[in-house]
Amino acid sequence: MSLENEQHLAAYDYSLDPSLIAASPAAERDQSRLLVYHRKREKIEHRRFSSLPEYLHPSDLLVLNDTRVFPARLRAKKKSGGRIELLLLRPSVSDRDVWEVMMTGKVTPPVDLLLEEGAIAHVVREIDGGHKEIRFELPKGTPDLNAYLERWGEVPLPPYIVKKRAGRSDTADRERYQTVYAKASGSAAAPTAGLHFTDALLEEIRRKEIQIATVTLHVGLGTFQPMREERIADHRMHREWFQIPLETAEAVKGARRSGGRVIAVGTTATRALESASRPDGTVQSGAGETELFITPGYHFKAVDGLITNFHLPKSTLLVLVSAFAGGEAVRAVYQEAIRERYRFYSYGDATLIL
């Protein structure tokens, strides 16, 4: 398929048997399956994720996104009794008690919504994209909103998992929809490529003298929204906050100097690195917001290898993977994964693209 055709939404559509959508994680994180694709040789291997260290070299650098999913889902009631669900997206820069929120149900500001323990969500106004701005009034004795969310918030699982579970939640999600190295709270969705790592696997990688570094990119719920524009160039990405620590920028420079590869764990780590990349393949440390949309024809400067899950049709994530590996190759990989009955999406299996 030509590069021109890769610019059309139809190039990123495919059919998937619903039974291949993973509604729950593998019994053991690193026992999920791993499809390894070698770009130069156009070769596919079928392995377990625990075999990942076999494909890494001592000069390589593995870059993780250390963002932490916070319990961003709250259930509220109108004073009339109507039920409303809130999904917290991002706080105001100037006031941590004011948040941009996505909500179900019809709500016309200004209005107050009732939460557990007598908390109140004051819906102040409507903002871009139909989202609302809310000011929280917390119960006496509650130190801050984070403490309230830890008690009453729920993990904001992807819509396709909620649908497949018929709306039922699982207390195990608090642990399993979180990477073992998550530190910086702020994501409304997990960087799912990282869900396959265990502490033991990371230690095995370190024993091979493979460097591990972190970036932070707080994943927004926009990551689940399909593209609707016929030409993908017309799609507008949601803004996401990211940070590149100085030690990570230095580690990338060291990998470049030693001839090693920079392997990004997930599309979020990829976007963070590429957003801060320089023409020589090094990256600039610092923090900011990114709207980078990586599409076919993009020249990757910082990332040499990619670990990622199998993504939804017509998603920006699938476009990024196609830009990295090539559209025809990704279509072949996905068809092979479907034939071999890999598990798809957030709780599904992984690919390693080298």
Protein backbone atom coordinates (compact mmCIF):
# COMPACT_ATOMS: atom_id res chain seq x y z
CA MET A 1 0.00 0.00 0.00
CA SER A 2 1.36 3.45 -0.93
CA LEU A 3 2.19 6.13 1.63
CA GLU A 4 -0.76 8.12 0.25
CA ASN A 5 -3.17 5.27 1.03
CA GLU A 6 -1.68 5.02 4.53
CA GLN A 7 -3.04 8.53 5.13
CA HIS A 8 -6.63 7.27 4.93
CA LEU A 9 -8.57 5.96 7.93
CA ALA A 10 -9.65 2.78 6.11
CA ALA A 11 -6.04 1.56 6.18
CA TYR A 12 -6.33 1.09 9.96
CA ASP A 13 -9.52 -0.93 10.11
CA TYR A 14 -9.64 -4.68 10.73
CA SER A 15 -12.11 -7.29 11.95
CA LEU A 16 -11.60 -9.02 15.28
CA ASP A 17 -13.42 -11.95 16.86
CA PRO A 18 -14.82 -10.51 20.15
CA SER A 19 -13.56 -13.62 21.96
CA LEU A 20 -10.00 -12.32 21.41
CA ILE A 21 -10.64 -9.14 23.42
CA ALA A 22 -9.05 -9.66 26.84
CA ALA A 23 -11.44 -8.68 29.64
CA SER A 24 -8.96 -9.71 32.34
CA PRO A 25 -5.17 -9.96 32.59
CA ALA A 26 -3.04 -13.08 32.25
CA ALA A 27 -2.69 -15.10 35.45
CA GLU A 28 0.97 -14.03 35.66
CA ARG A 29 2.12 -10.73 34.16
CA ASP A 30 5.14 -12.06 32.28
CA GLN A 31 3.36 -15.20 31.03
CA SER A 32 1.37 -13.23 28.47
CA ARG A 33 2.35 -14.03 24.90
CA LEU A 34 4.92 -12.01 22.96
CA LEU A 35 4.91 -11.72 19.17
CA VAL A 36 8.39 -10.66 18.07
CA TYR A 37 8.66 -8.95 14.68
CA HIS A 38 12.08 -8.35 13.10
CA ARG A 39 11.64 -5.52 10.60
CA LYS A 40 14.76 -6.09 8.49
CA ARG A 41 14.21 -9.84 8.11
CA GLU A 42 10.41 -9.57 8.08
CA LYS A 43 10.40 -12.50 10.50
CA ILE A 44 7.82 -13.32 13.19
CA GLU A 45 8.48 -15.34 16.35
CA HIS A 46 5.95 -16.50 18.95
CA ARG A 47 7.25 -16.38 22.54
CA ARG A 48 6.27 -15.60 26.14
CA PHE A 49 6.91 -12.13 27.53
CA SER A 50 9.34 -13.63 30.04
CA SER A 51 11.69 -14.31 27.09
CA LEU A 52 12.14 -10.57 26.44
CA PRO A 53 15.71 -10.41 27.88
CA GLU A 54 16.88 -12.76 25.11
CA TYR A 55 16.25 -9.97 22.59
CA LEU A 56 18.07 -7.22 24.50
CA HIS A 57 21.80 -6.44 24.44
CA PRO A 58 24.01 -4.94 27.18
CA SER A 59 24.35 -1.68 25.22
CA ASP A 60 20.56 -1.26 24.89
CA LEU A 61 18.37 1.13 26.87
CA LEU A 62 14.84 0.17 27.92
CA VAL A 63 12.61 3.20 28.56
CA LEU A 64 9.52 2.80 30.78
CA ASN A 65 6.63 5.20 31.41
CA ASP A 66 6.37 5.41 35.21
CA THR A 67 2.96 7.14 35.28
CA ARG A 68 0.46 5.83 37.80
CA VAL A 69 -3.26 5.36 37.10
CA PHE A 70 -5.36 7.15 39.67
CA PRO A 71 -8.93 6.06 40.60
CA ALA A 72 -10.51 8.67 38.33
CA ARG A 73 -14.05 7.29 38.15
CA LEU A 74 -16.67 8.60 40.60
CA ARG A 75 -20.37 7.85 40.89
CA ALA A 76 -22.65 10.79 41.68
CA LYS A 77 -26.33 11.63 41.96
CA LYS A 78 -28.38 14.63 40.96
CA LYS A 79 -30.60 16.05 43.69
CA SER A 80 -33.49 14.65 41.64
CA GLY A 81 -32.02 11.16 42.08
CA GLY A 82 -30.58 10.69 38.58
CA ARG A 83 -27.28 8.82 38.48
CA ILE A 84 -24.20 10.39 36.89
CA GLU A 85 -20.73 8.95 36.33
CA LEU A 86 -17.71 11.27 36.45
CA LEU A 87 -14.34 10.59 34.82
CA LEU A 88 -11.68 13.01 36.02
CA LEU A 89 -9.35 14.07 33.21
CA ARG A 90 -6.96 16.74 34.47
CA PRO A 91 -6.74 19.33 37.26
CA SER A 92 -6.65 23.07 36.78
CA VAL A 93 -3.13 24.46 36.74
CA SER A 94 -4.08 27.18 39.24
CA ASP A 95 -6.47 25.29 41.56
CA ARG A 96 -6.08 21.57 42.40
CA ASP A 97 -9.72 21.36 43.57
CA VAL A 98 -10.98 22.27 40.07
CA TRP A 99 -10.97 19.54 37.42
CA GLU A 100 -11.87 18.98 33.79
CA VAL A 101 -14.33 16.06 33.82
CA MET A 102 -16.08 13.83 31.31
CA MET A 103 -19.50 12.65 32.47
CA THR A 104 -22.37 10.41 31.47
CA GLY A 105 -25.93 11.67 31.56
CA LYS A 106 -27.36 15.11 30.83
CA VAL A 107 -26.01 17.81 33.11
CA THR A 108 -26.50 21.53 32.51
CA PRO A 109 -24.26 23.85 34.57
CA PRO A 110 -24.41 25.31 37.09
CA VAL A 111 -25.59 22.37 39.18
CA ASP A 112 -24.45 20.41 42.24
CA LEU A 113 -23.93 16.64 42.18
CA LEU A 114 -23.92 14.57 45.36
CA LEU A 115 -21.03 12.20 46.08
CA GLU A 116 -20.27 9.67 48.83
CA GLU A 117 -19.70 10.88 52.41
CA GLY A 118 -21.47 14.16 51.72
CA ALA A 119 -18.94 15.45 49.19
CA ILE A 120 -20.29 17.77 46.49
CA ALA A 121 -19.21 18.23 42.87
CA HIS A 122 -20.10 21.77 41.82
CA VAL A 123 -20.47 21.68 38.02
CA VAL A 124 -19.28 25.18 37.13
CA ARG A 125 -19.37 25.35 33.34
CA GLU A 126 -19.10 23.46 30.08
CA ILE A 127 -15.75 23.60 28.30
CA ASP A 128 -14.26 22.26 25.07
CA GLY A 129 -15.38 18.89 23.76
CA GLY A 130 -18.51 18.75 25.91
CA HIS A 131 -16.43 18.28 29.06
CA LYS A 132 -17.35 20.05 32.29
CA GLU A 133 -15.35 22.03 34.81
CA ILE A 134 -16.04 20.88 38.37
CA ARG A 135 -15.06 22.23 41.76
CA PHE A 136 -15.00 19.63 44.52
CA GLU A 137 -16.21 20.31 48.04
CA LEU A 138 -14.81 17.55 50.24
CA PRO A 139 -16.10 16.22 53.59
CA LYS A 140 -14.57 17.69 56.73
CA GLY A 141 -11.49 15.77 57.77
CA THR A 142 -10.57 14.72 54.22
CA PRO A 143 -7.02 16.02 53.63
CA ASP A 144 -7.27 16.39 49.85
CA LEU A 145 -8.93 15.06 46.70
CA ASN A 146 -6.33 12.31 46.28
CA ALA A 147 -7.27 10.87 49.66
CA TYR A 148 -10.96 11.02 48.74
CA LEU A 149 -10.35 9.28 45.39
CA GLU A 150 -8.31 6.52 47.02
CA ARG A 151 -11.33 5.77 49.22
CA TRP A 152 -14.22 6.26 46.78
CA GLY A 153 -12.77 6.39 43.26
CA GLU A 154 -12.75 3.43 40.87
CA VAL A 155 -10.18 2.39 38.27
CA PRO A 156 -11.24 3.90 34.91
CA LEU A 157 -11.09 0.74 32.80
CA PRO A 158 -11.30 1.00 28.99
CA PRO A 159 -14.88 0.98 27.63
CA TYR A 160 -14.44 -2.35 25.82
CA ILE A 161 -13.47 -4.10 29.07
CA VAL A 162 -16.42 -2.57 30.94
CA LYS A 163 -18.76 -3.65 28.14
CA LYS A 164 -17.41 -7.21 28.02
CA ARG A 165 -17.76 -7.54 31.79
CA ALA A 166 -21.34 -6.21 31.59
CA GLY A 167 -20.36 -3.27 33.80
CA ARG A 168 -18.91 -5.39 36.62
CA SER A 169 -15.67 -4.15 38.19
CA ASP A 170 -12.99 -6.30 39.77
CA THR A 171 -11.09 -5.32 42.91
CA ALA A 172 -7.96 -6.91 41.37
CA ASP A 173 -7.90 -4.10 38.78
CA ARG A 174 -6.44 -1.73 41.38
CA GLU A 175 -3.26 -3.82 41.23
CA ARG A 176 -3.29 -5.36 37.75
CA TYR A 177 -4.30 -2.24 35.77
CA GLN A 178 -1.09 -0.68 37.06
CA THR A 179 2.56 -1.32 36.19
CA VAL A 180 4.80 -2.65 38.98
CA TYR A 181 7.02 0.44 38.57
CA ALA A 182 4.22 3.07 38.56
CA LYS A 183 5.15 6.14 40.62
CA ALA A 184 3.86 9.45 39.27
CA SER A 185 0.08 9.62 39.76
CA GLY A 186 -1.89 11.31 36.99
CA SER A 187 -3.08 8.87 34.31
CA ALA A 188 -6.68 8.02 33.50
CA ALA A 189 -5.48 4.95 31.57
CA ALA A 190 -2.57 2.55 32.03
CA PRO A 191 0.47 2.47 29.73
CA THR A 192 -0.49 -1.10 28.92
CA ALA A 193 2.76 -2.36 27.37
CA GLY A 194 4.26 -2.08 30.84
CA LEU A 195 1.67 -4.34 32.47
CA HIS A 196 3.66 -7.44 31.41
CA PHE A 197 6.73 -6.62 33.50
CA THR A 198 7.39 -8.15 36.92
CA ASP A 199 9.98 -7.05 39.46
CA ALA A 200 11.85 -10.30 38.80
CA LEU A 201 11.89 -9.72 35.03
CA LEU A 202 13.20 -6.18 35.48
CA GLU A 203 15.93 -7.51 37.78
CA GLU A 204 16.89 -10.14 35.18
CA ILE A 205 17.18 -7.36 32.58
CA ARG A 206 19.41 -5.33 34.91
CA ARG A 207 21.62 -8.39 35.56
CA LYS A 208 22.31 -8.50 31.83
CA GLU A 209 23.67 -4.94 32.22
CA ILE A 210 20.87 -3.49 30.12
CA GLN A 211 20.10 0.06 31.20
CA ILE A 212 16.57 0.94 32.33
CA ALA A 213 15.34 4.54 32.38
CA THR A 214 11.96 6.19 32.89
CA VAL A 215 9.88 8.97 31.43
CA THR A 216 6.48 10.16 32.63
CA LEU A 217 3.54 10.73 30.31
CA HIS A 218 0.10 11.00 31.91
CA VAL A 219 -2.28 9.08 29.66
CA GLY A 220 -5.67 10.69 29.02
CA LEU A 221 -8.97 9.01 28.17
CA GLY A 222 -8.63 10.36 24.64
CA THR A 223 -6.36 7.38 24.01
CA PHE A 224 -9.52 5.22 23.64
CA GLN A 225 -11.29 7.54 21.22
CA PRO A 226 -11.30 6.31 17.61
CA MET A 227 -10.40 8.62 14.77
CA ARG A 228 -13.36 9.74 12.68
CA GLU A 229 -11.78 11.93 10.02
CA GLU A 230 -11.32 10.21 6.65
CA ARG A 231 -7.83 11.67 6.32
CA ILE A 232 -5.80 10.93 9.43
CA ALA A 233 -3.94 14.25 9.06
CA ASP A 234 -7.20 15.98 10.02
CA HIS A 235 -7.30 14.25 13.42
CA ARG A 236 -6.38 16.38 16.42
CA MET A 237 -4.59 14.70 19.29
CA HIS A 238 -5.47 15.36 22.92
CA ARG A 239 -2.82 17.14 25.00
CA GLU A 240 -0.86 15.03 27.48
CA TRP A 241 1.69 16.15 30.06
CA PHE A 242 5.11 14.50 29.96
CA GLN A 243 8.51 14.76 31.59
CA ILE A 244 11.98 13.56 30.58
CA PRO A 245 14.33 13.37 33.60
CA LEU A 246 17.92 14.53 33.11
CA GLU A 247 19.23 11.04 33.90
CA THR A 248 17.03 9.59 31.13
CA ALA A 249 18.30 12.13 28.61
CA GLU A 250 21.85 11.19 29.65
CA ALA A 251 21.05 7.47 29.35
CA VAL A 252 19.77 7.97 25.78
CA LYS A 253 22.96 9.84 24.96
CA GLY A 254 25.01 7.00 26.45
CA ALA A 255 23.14 4.38 24.41
CA ARG A 256 23.76 6.39 21.24
CA ARG A 257 27.45 6.70 22.09
CA SER A 258 27.85 2.95 22.68
CA GLY A 259 25.88 1.89 19.60
CA GLY A 260 22.96 0.54 21.64
CA ARG A 261 19.28 0.65 20.82
CA VAL A 262 16.63 2.69 22.61
CA ILE A 263 13.67 0.36 23.20
CA ALA A 264 10.48 2.20 24.19
CA VAL A 265 7.98 0.32 26.34
CA GLY A 266 4.70 1.48 24.86
CA THR A 267 3.36 4.16 22.57
CA THR A 268 3.31 6.64 25.46
CA ALA A 269 7.04 6.29 26.15
CA THR A 270 7.57 6.57 22.39
CA ARG A 271 5.60 9.81 22.13
CA ALA A 272 7.40 11.29 25.14
CA LEU A 273 10.84 10.47 23.72
CA GLU A 274 10.01 11.62 20.20
CA SER A 275 8.41 14.83 21.51
CA ALA A 276 11.73 15.70 23.17
CA SER A 277 14.01 14.31 20.46
CA ARG A 278 16.81 16.08 18.64
CA PRO A 279 17.97 15.34 15.06
CA ASP A 280 20.97 13.34 16.37
CA GLY A 281 18.71 10.91 18.26
CA THR A 282 19.34 12.32 21.72
CA VAL A 283 16.55 13.86 23.80
CA GLN A 284 16.12 17.08 25.75
CA SER A 285 15.29 16.79 29.44
CA GLY A 286 12.39 18.81 30.85
CA ALA A 287 8.60 18.83 31.07
CA GLY A 288 5.75 20.06 28.91
CA GLU A 289 2.66 19.01 27.00
CA THR A 290 2.61 17.07 23.75
CA GLU A 291 0.07 16.71 20.97
CA LEU A 292 2.48 14.77 18.75
CA PHE A 293 0.61 12.54 16.28
CA ILE A 294 3.02 10.04 14.74
CA THR A 295 1.83 8.94 11.30
CA PRO A 296 3.40 7.06 8.34
CA GLY A 297 6.24 9.10 6.88
CA TYR A 298 7.39 10.28 10.32
CA HIS A 299 11.15 9.96 10.88
CA PHE A 300 11.82 8.36 14.27
CA LYS A 301 14.82 10.03 15.88
CA ALA A 302 14.99 8.61 19.42
CA VAL A 303 13.30 5.18 19.32
CA ASP A 304 14.85 2.08 17.72
CA GLY A 305 12.59 -0.64 19.13
CA LEU A 306 9.03 -0.79 20.44
CA ILE A 307 7.15 -2.99 22.90
CA THR A 308 3.40 -2.52 22.61
CA ASN A 309 0.07 -4.32 22.87
CA PHE A 310 -2.40 -5.02 20.05
CA HIS A 311 -4.47 -1.89 19.49
CA LEU A 312 -8.03 -1.02 18.49
CA PRO A 313 -8.93 -0.48 14.83
CA LYS A 314 -8.87 3.14 13.65
CA SER A 315 -6.88 4.24 16.70
CA THR A 316 -3.99 6.69 16.82
CA LEU A 317 -1.99 3.97 18.58
CA LEU A 318 -2.33 1.63 15.60
CA VAL A 319 -1.26 4.49 13.31
CA LEU A 320 1.88 5.04 15.43
CA VAL A 321 2.80 1.35 15.28
CA SER A 322 2.23 1.38 11.50
CA ALA A 323 4.50 4.42 11.19
CA PHE A 324 7.20 2.55 13.10
CA ALA A 325 7.01 -0.88 11.46
CA GLY A 326 5.28 -0.11 8.15
CA GLY A 327 1.59 -0.44 7.37
CA GLU A 328 1.82 -3.65 5.33
CA ALA A 329 3.99 -5.29 7.99
CA VAL A 330 1.60 -4.36 10.80
CA ARG A 331 -1.39 -5.69 8.87
CA ALA A 332 0.48 -8.98 8.37
CA VAL A 333 1.46 -9.10 12.06
CA TYR A 334 -2.13 -8.49 13.17
CA GLN A 335 -3.51 -11.16 10.85
CA GLU A 336 -0.93 -13.61 12.19
CA ALA A 337 -1.86 -12.69 15.77
CA ILE A 338 -5.54 -13.26 14.99
CA ARG A 339 -4.79 -16.66 13.41
CA GLU A 340 -2.72 -17.63 16.46
CA ARG A 341 -5.46 -16.35 18.78
CA TYR A 342 -3.45 -13.77 20.65
CA ARG A 343 -5.38 -11.69 23.21
CA PHE A 344 -5.99 -8.09 22.15
CA TYR A 345 -6.09 -4.62 23.71
CA SER A 346 -5.23 -3.36 27.20
CA TYR A 347 -5.19 -6.65 29.13
CA GLY A 348 -4.01 -8.59 26.07
CA ASP A 349 -0.68 -9.87 24.76
CA ALA A 350 2.30 -7.88 23.50
CA THR A 351 4.48 -7.34 20.45
CA LEU A 352 8.19 -6.55 20.32
CA ILE A 353 9.17 -4.74 17.13
CA LEU A 354 12.90 -4.59 16.41
